Protein backbone atom coordinates (compact mmCIF):
# COMPACT_ATOMS: atom_id res chain seq x y z
CA UNK A 1 24.22 5.22 -1.33
CA UNK A 2 24.70 3.73 1.94
CA UNK A 3 22.93 5.94 4.74
CA UNK A 4 22.47 4.05 7.67
CA UNK A 5 25.42 1.52 9.16
CA UNK A 6 25.69 -0.89 12.14
CA UNK A 7 29.22 -1.10 14.14
CA UNK A 8 28.72 -1.57 17.35
CA UNK A 9 26.51 -4.23 19.37
CA UNK A 10 25.41 -1.50 21.46
CA UNK A 11 23.62 0.80 18.45
CA UNK A 12 22.03 -1.96 17.28
CA UNK A 13 20.50 -3.28 20.85
CA UNK A 14 20.48 0.43 22.03
CA UNK A 15 19.52 2.96 19.55
CA UNK A 16 18.05 0.39 16.75
CA UNK A 17 15.84 -2.17 19.19
CA UNK A 18 16.25 -0.18 22.20
CA UNK A 19 15.99 -3.48 23.87
CA UNK A 20 18.26 -5.81 25.60
CA UNK A 21 18.78 -8.81 24.34
CA UNK A 22 17.19 -10.78 26.87
CA UNK A 23 13.41 -9.29 26.14
CA UNK A 24 14.18 -10.52 22.25
CA UNK A 25 15.54 -13.57 23.12
CA UNK A 26 12.42 -13.83 24.97
CA UNK A 27 10.37 -12.73 22.63
CA UNK A 28 11.92 -15.05 19.52
CA UNK A 29 11.10 -17.58 22.49
CA UNK A 30 6.87 -17.46 21.88
CA UNK A 31 6.79 -15.71 18.65
CA UNK A 32 3.46 -17.23 17.07
CA UNK A 33 1.76 -16.21 20.07
CA UNK A 34 1.88 -12.34 18.95
CA UNK A 35 0.21 -13.26 15.54
CA UNK A 36 -3.38 -13.88 15.04
CA UNK A 37 -5.03 -14.20 11.75
CA UNK A 38 -7.72 -12.03 10.15
CA UNK A 39 -9.49 -12.51 7.06
CA UNK A 40 -10.18 -10.41 4.72
CA UNK A 41 -12.32 -9.63 1.74
CA UNK A 42 -10.54 -9.24 -1.80
CA UNK A 43 -11.10 -7.10 -3.78
CA UNK A 44 -12.77 -8.92 -6.85
CA UNK A 45 -13.54 -12.51 -5.16
CA UNK A 46 -12.68 -14.57 -2.26
CA UNK A 47 -10.68 -14.12 0.64
CA UNK A 48 -7.29 -12.95 1.70
CA UNK A 49 -5.73 -14.37 5.14
CA UNK A 50 -3.42 -11.58 7.11
CA UNK A 51 -1.13 -12.40 9.89
CA UNK A 52 -1.38 -8.92 12.08
CA UNK A 53 0.15 -9.05 15.37
CA UNK A 54 -0.92 -7.83 18.67
CA UNK A 55 -0.49 -4.42 19.83
CA UNK A 56 -0.10 -4.72 23.38
CA UNK A 57 2.50 -7.26 22.81
CA UNK A 58 6.60 -7.11 23.20
CA UNK A 59 7.72 -7.92 19.37
CA UNK A 60 5.31 -5.78 17.80
CA UNK A 61 7.64 -2.45 20.31
CA UNK A 62 10.22 -4.16 18.64
CA UNK A 63 9.11 -4.40 15.14
CA UNK A 64 8.12 -0.46 15.27
CA UNK A 65 11.90 0.40 16.75
CA UNK A 66 13.78 -1.58 14.26
CA UNK A 67 11.14 0.35 11.17
CA UNK A 68 11.85 3.78 12.32
CA UNK A 69 14.94 3.25 13.01
CA UNK A 70 16.54 1.50 10.78
CA UNK A 71 14.47 -0.26 7.62
CA UNK A 72 12.45 3.18 6.89
CA UNK A 73 16.05 4.92 6.57
CA UNK A 74 17.59 2.34 3.83
CA UNK A 75 17.08 3.82 0.57
CA UNK A 76 14.72 2.78 -1.64
CA UNK A 77 14.57 3.20 -5.81
CA UNK A 78 12.43 6.82 -5.81
CA UNK A 79 10.11 5.32 -8.17
CA UNK A 80 8.97 2.65 -5.55
CA UNK A 81 5.75 4.51 -3.72
CA UNK A 82 4.74 2.14 -1.42
CA UNK A 83 5.28 1.91 2.07
CA UNK A 84 7.46 4.40 1.82
CA UNK A 85 6.81 7.55 4.38
CA UNK A 86 5.60 10.10 2.47
CA UNK A 87 4.58 9.01 -0.76
CA UNK A 88 0.88 8.00 -1.89
CA UNK A 89 -1.22 6.77 -4.72
CA UNK A 90 -1.32 10.24 -5.98
CA UNK A 91 2.80 9.18 -6.44
CA UNK A 92 2.69 6.77 -7.92
CA UNK A 93 -0.03 7.92 -10.11
CA UNK A 94 1.66 11.02 -11.21
CA UNK A 95 4.74 10.01 -13.82
CA UNK A 96 1.96 8.32 -15.52
CA UNK A 97 -0.21 11.67 -16.92
CA UNK A 98 -0.23 11.31 -20.34
CA UNK A 99 1.26 15.40 -22.19
CA UNK A 100 -1.67 15.78 -24.31
CA UNK A 101 -0.21 18.42 -26.42
CA UNK A 102 2.92 16.60 -26.68
CA UNK A 103 1.50 13.12 -27.04
CA UNK A 104 -0.43 11.40 -29.06
CA UNK A 105 -1.97 8.18 -27.41
CA UNK A 106 -0.04 7.28 -24.63
CA UNK A 107 -0.25 2.92 -23.55
CA UNK A 108 -0.91 2.24 -19.33
CA UNK A 109 0.25 -1.38 -18.50
CA UNK A 110 -0.39 -2.21 -14.84
CA UNK A 111 1.59 -6.33 -13.45
CA UNK A 112 1.13 -7.73 -10.36
CA UNK A 113 3.19 -9.69 -8.18
CA UNK A 114 1.43 -13.11 -6.82
CA UNK A 115 1.36 -14.11 -3.57
CA UNK A 116 4.09 -11.20 -2.61
CA UNK A 117 4.53 -11.45 0.76
CA UNK A 118 4.71 -14.39 0.71
CA UNK A 119 7.58 -14.89 -1.91
CA UNK A 120 10.14 -12.95 0.17
CA UNK A 121 12.29 -15.28 3.13
CA UNK A 122 14.59 -15.11 5.63
CA UNK A 123 17.37 -15.80 3.98
CA UNK A 124 16.54 -12.87 1.42
CA UNK A 125 16.14 -10.37 4.64
CA UNK A 126 19.82 -12.22 6.19
CA UNK A 127 21.71 -11.83 2.22
CA UNK A 128 19.88 -8.13 1.16
CA UNK A 129 21.10 -6.85 4.69
CA UNK A 130 24.08 -7.91 4.99
CA UNK A 131 25.73 -5.15 3.45
CA UNK A 132 24.80 -2.80 6.40
CA UNK A 133 26.27 -4.41 8.92
CA UNK A 134 29.68 -3.57 9.53
CA UNK A 135 31.36 -5.71 12.46
CA UNK A 136 32.92 -9.11 12.91
CA UNK A 137 31.40 -11.81 10.84
CA UNK A 138 30.14 -13.99 13.74
CA UNK A 139 27.90 -10.90 15.08
CA UNK A 140 26.99 -9.67 11.80
CA UNK A 141 25.33 -13.39 11.61
CA UNK A 142 23.72 -13.33 14.98
CA UNK A 143 22.62 -9.30 14.83
CA UNK A 144 21.27 -10.56 11.21
CA UNK A 145 19.12 -13.71 12.36
CA UNK A 146 17.81 -11.19 15.35
CA UNK A 147 15.93 -9.29 12.59
CA UNK A 148 15.30 -12.07 9.51
CA UNK A 149 12.98 -14.18 13.32
CA UNK A 150 12.03 -11.06 14.76
CA UNK A 151 9.91 -10.02 11.08
CA UNK A 152 8.91 -13.42 10.03
CA UNK A 153 6.18 -15.91 10.34
CA UNK A 154 7.17 -19.64 9.50
CA UNK A 155 10.35 -18.35 7.61
CA UNK A 156 8.56 -16.13 4.71
CA UNK A 157 6.81 -12.10 5.70
CA UNK A 158 3.97 -12.60 7.33
CA UNK A 159 1.32 -9.57 5.80
CA UNK A 160 -0.05 -8.09 8.44
CA UNK A 161 3.08 -7.39 10.00
CA UNK A 162 4.52 -3.84 11.31
CA UNK A 163 7.76 -4.55 9.58
CA UNK A 164 6.75 -6.02 6.58
CA UNK A 165 6.38 -3.17 4.19
CA UNK A 166 9.90 -2.03 5.03
CA UNK A 167 11.56 -4.69 4.13
CA UNK A 168 9.51 -5.38 0.97
CA UNK A 169 10.71 -2.53 -0.18
CA UNK A 170 14.39 -3.41 1.09
CA UNK A 171 14.40 -7.07 -0.44
CA UNK A 172 12.50 -6.09 -3.33
CA UNK A 173 15.14 -3.27 -4.69
CA UNK A 174 17.25 -5.68 -7.20
CA UNK A 175 13.83 -5.95 -8.80
CA UNK A 176 13.25 -2.33 -8.69
CA UNK A 177 16.36 -1.15 -10.55
CA UNK A 178 16.71 -4.68 -13.29
CA UNK A 179 12.69 -3.52 -14.47
CA UNK A 180 13.80 0.06 -14.14
CA UNK A 181 16.74 -0.52 -15.87
CA UNK A 182 15.11 -2.15 -18.53
CA UNK A 183 12.46 1.05 -19.14
CA UNK A 184 15.33 3.27 -19.27
CA UNK A 185 16.26 1.81 -22.09
CA UNK A 186 13.13 1.31 -24.45
CA UNK A 187 11.66 4.54 -22.97
CA UNK A 188 9.35 2.84 -20.79
CA UNK A 189 7.42 5.06 -17.08
CA UNK A 190 8.12 2.59 -15.04
CA UNK A 191 6.85 2.69 -11.07
CA UNK A 192 5.76 0.31 -7.91
CA UNK A 193 2.74 0.07 -5.20
CA UNK A 194 3.60 -2.23 -3.16
CA UNK A 195 2.61 -5.80 -5.58
CA UNK A 196 0.97 -3.94 -8.56
CA UNK A 197 3.88 -2.42 -10.82
CA UNK A 198 2.45 0.67 -13.76
CA UNK A 199 3.90 0.92 -16.57
CA UNK A 200 3.23 3.61 -19.91
CA UNK A 201 4.69 4.65 -23.32
CA UNK A 202 4.08 6.55 -26.20
CA UNK A 203 5.57 2.72 -27.73
CA UNK A 204 3.04 0.32 -28.25
CA UNK A 205 5.48 -1.97 -27.95
CA UNK A 206 4.25 -1.86 -24.52
CA UNK A 207 1.11 -3.86 -24.84
CA UNK A 208 3.29 -6.62 -27.00
CA UNK A 209 3.09 -10.03 -25.20
CA UNK A 210 7.08 -10.09 -26.01
CA UNK A 211 7.43 -6.89 -23.17
CA UNK A 212 5.40 -9.03 -20.32
CA UNK A 213 7.02 -12.21 -21.09
CA UNK A 214 10.10 -10.42 -20.09
CA UNK A 215 9.14 -8.73 -16.74
CA UNK A 216 7.74 -12.13 -16.21
CA UNK A 217 11.85 -13.90 -16.56
CA UNK A 218 12.90 -11.43 -14.65
CA UNK A 219 10.44 -11.54 -11.69
CA UNK A 220 10.51 -15.34 -12.21
CA UNK A 221 14.72 -14.68 -11.70
CA UNK A 222 13.99 -13.30 -8.55
CA UNK A 223 11.58 -15.50 -7.27
CA UNK A 224 8.20 -13.88 -8.29
CA UNK A 225 4.91 -14.70 -10.03
CA UNK A 226 3.29 -12.40 -12.69
CA UNK A 227 -0.41 -12.99 -11.68
CA UNK A 228 -2.01 -13.07 -14.99
CA UNK A 229 -5.41 -12.50 -14.41
CA UNK A 230 -4.59 -9.31 -13.31
CA UNK A 231 -2.70 -8.26 -16.67
CA UNK A 232 -4.28 -5.01 -17.21
CA UNK A 233 -4.00 -2.39 -20.43
CA UNK A 234 -4.66 1.12 -21.23
CA UNK A 235 -4.99 3.51 -24.11
CA UNK A 236 -4.90 7.20 -22.80
CA UNK A 237 -6.31 6.68 -19.71
CA UNK A 238 -6.57 3.47 -17.15
CA UNK A 239 -8.20 3.14 -13.94
CA UNK A 240 -7.01 1.72 -11.21
CA UNK A 241 -8.41 1.02 -8.14
CA UNK A 242 -10.61 3.99 -8.08
CA UNK A 243 -8.75 6.85 -9.77
CA UNK A 244 -7.84 7.30 -12.71
CA UNK A 245 -4.66 8.65 -14.88
CA UNK A 246 -4.57 10.13 -17.66
CA UNK A 247 -5.09 13.67 -19.01
CA UNK A 248 -4.78 14.31 -14.94
CA UNK A 249 -5.41 12.17 -11.73
CA UNK A 250 -8.60 11.83 -10.51
CA UNK A 251 -11.24 9.67 -8.56
CA UNK A 252 -13.55 7.55 -10.24
CA UNK A 253 -17.05 7.46 -10.78
CA UNK A 254 -17.31 4.55 -9.06
CA UNK A 255 -15.32 5.02 -6.11
CA UNK A 256 -17.09 7.65 -5.80
CA UNK A 257 -20.17 6.12 -5.57
CA UNK A 258 -20.42 5.26 -2.49
CA UNK A 259 -20.24 8.71 -1.12
CA UNK A 260 -22.44 9.60 -3.57
CA UNK A 261 -24.64 6.87 -2.30
CA UNK A 262 -24.62 7.67 1.34
CA UNK A 263 -25.64 11.62 0.35
CA UNK A 264 -28.35 10.20 -1.89
CA UNK A 265 -30.17 8.17 1.51
CA UNK A 266 -29.67 10.75 3.78
CA UNK A 267 -31.34 12.77 1.73
CA UNK A 268 -34.08 10.55 0.74
CA UNK A 269 -34.82 9.32 4.13
CA UNK A 270 -34.00 12.55 6.83
CA UNK A 271 -33.41 10.07 9.56
CA UNK A 272 -33.13 12.62 12.92
CA UNK A 273 -30.84 10.03 14.94
CA UNK A 274 -27.10 8.70 14.10
CA UNK A 275 -28.57 5.12 14.86
CA UNK A 276 -31.34 5.76 12.05
CA UNK A 277 -29.31 6.76 10.17
CA UNK A 278 -26.96 4.00 10.90
CA UNK A 279 -29.27 1.34 10.54
CA UNK A 280 -30.17 2.82 6.90
CA UNK A 281 -26.20 2.22 5.20
CA UNK A 282 -25.84 -1.08 6.85
CA UNK A 283 -28.62 -1.75 5.20
CA UNK A 284 -27.33 -0.72 2.10
CA UNK A 285 -24.76 -2.40 -0.15
CA UNK A 286 -21.56 -0.80 -0.94
CA UNK A 287 -18.43 -1.56 -3.81
CA UNK A 288 -15.85 -0.02 -1.23
CA UNK A 289 -16.18 -0.30 1.88
CA UNK A 290 -15.88 -3.98 3.80
CA UNK A 291 -18.19 -4.79 6.43
CA UNK A 292 -16.49 -5.49 9.91
CA UNK A 293 -16.33 -8.96 11.59
CA UNK A 294 -19.61 -7.79 12.80
CA UNK A 295 -20.94 -8.10 8.90
CA UNK A 296 -21.51 -4.24 9.08
CA UNK A 297 -20.44 -1.20 7.42
CA UNK A 298 -20.41 1.41 10.05
CA UNK A 299 -20.20 -0.18 14.05
CA UNK A 300 -20.94 2.80 15.30
CA UNK A 301 -21.56 6.15 14.44
CA UNK A 302 -17.52 7.34 15.23
CA UNK A 303 -16.33 4.41 11.98
CA UNK A 304 -18.87 6.91 9.85
CA UNK A 305 -17.97 10.35 11.14
CA UNK A 306 -14.05 8.92 10.60
CA UNK A 307 -15.32 7.34 7.40
CA UNK A 308 -16.72 10.76 5.47
CA UNK A 309 -14.27 12.82 7.30
CA UNK A 310 -11.51 10.64 5.53
CA UNK A 311 -13.15 10.74 1.93
CA UNK A 312 -13.81 14.86 2.33
CA UNK A 313 -9.90 14.46 2.53
CA UNK A 314 -8.93 12.49 0.08
CA UNK A 315 -10.93 14.79 -2.09
CA UNK A 316 -9.45 17.35 -0.96
CA UNK A 317 -6.21 15.96 -2.10
CA UNK A 318 -6.91 15.00 -5.59
CA UNK A 319 -8.47 18.49 -6.54
CA UNK A 320 -7.76 18.64 -10.31
CA UNK A 321 -5.40 21.25 -11.25
CA UNK A 322 -7.14 23.06 -13.80
CA UNK A 323 -9.98 25.05 -11.21
CA UNK A 324 -12.25 24.84 -14.99
CA UNK A 325 -12.19 21.37 -14.99
CA UNK A 326 -15.49 19.44 -14.31
CA UNK A 327 -14.48 16.50 -11.64
CA UNK A 328 -12.76 20.45 -10.46
CA UNK A 329 -16.45 21.68 -9.19
CA UNK A 330 -18.33 17.89 -9.24
CA UNK A 331 -15.45 17.70 -6.41
CA UNK A 332 -15.85 21.03 -4.75
CA UNK A 333 -19.93 19.97 -4.38
CA UNK A 334 -19.63 16.69 -2.96
CA UNK A 335 -17.08 18.19 -1.07
CA UNK A 336 -19.65 21.22 0.72
CA UNK A 337 -22.02 18.11 0.30
CA UNK A 338 -19.78 16.68 3.44
CA UNK A 339 -19.37 19.11 5.25
CA UNK A 340 -23.09 19.88 6.00
CA UNK A 341 -23.97 15.87 6.24
CA UNK A 342 -20.67 15.94 8.91
CA UNK A 343 -22.91 19.69 10.88
CA UNK A 344 -25.74 17.23 10.97
CA UNK A 345 -24.40 13.86 12.42
CA UNK A 346 -22.89 16.40 14.92
CA UNK A 347 -26.11 17.46 16.29
CA UNK A 348 -28.13 14.65 16.14
CA UNK A 349 -28.95 12.70 19.24
């Protein structure tokens, strides 16, 4: 169901973009100048180049207004969890929890789309957003062109732009619907988080090569390519990005290793100054924490405090519902240790 439609130019400029047409035209003339490249390491190997917007640029403001006032109001399927306000990675995994008392086995399959954002083009935007514009054809075309130009770089969705995450969900919606329709026929559960597609079922056919080939064919029809190197299979549980889904949801031991390492280093060295603690941590090697451009894990004490506080919040959010579960006790112990460490850092010089 369409929740928002644009009938007037005045609404588009005054309430969606909140800018005069002359400003938009001026901004588009200098569009490339508002982007800068940011190179970050990939999860496994190699590097990824992001094209990020300068936060003080007019284009950043226009994309922010467009996203908040229009794109985020366009409905997408419930099983889409990435880049959706109010949803998280936990929502992505939760539908796949294995019902131990009912299911003998649950089979898991994770598929990854290769070059997701760069597979989404300006033409896709013009096509998918057209139903939301109800003006005369010439004006429809003009306003859609503004959106397409404001949100693309060299004709594709740039990974690092403000509007790209929301737009990617809208542009992938036809694929989502088609994939989910097939999954319902086969009794598979489907959720998506960005370019990660997760399936689960009590039927072992989910792991068949023919099933994976069919999903790949659906993606190809939409102009997407399956990353065959990143196909993952599991039985009764699966670990993804440091989180485990199985009979419950929990943070994996490997993801908890980083915070455990910090707690161990502090207990071993007992530094009495924040600088000493930072020096100790920046000499170590962490699995999930990434270094900044200065080759440091923590460039100052605020970065460390935010990391520890954020990790504490994550542990609280992922507490198992069963308070008698071993992982619940472990999480509570780590939460208490983090609170104690944060208090000690607070009183350090």
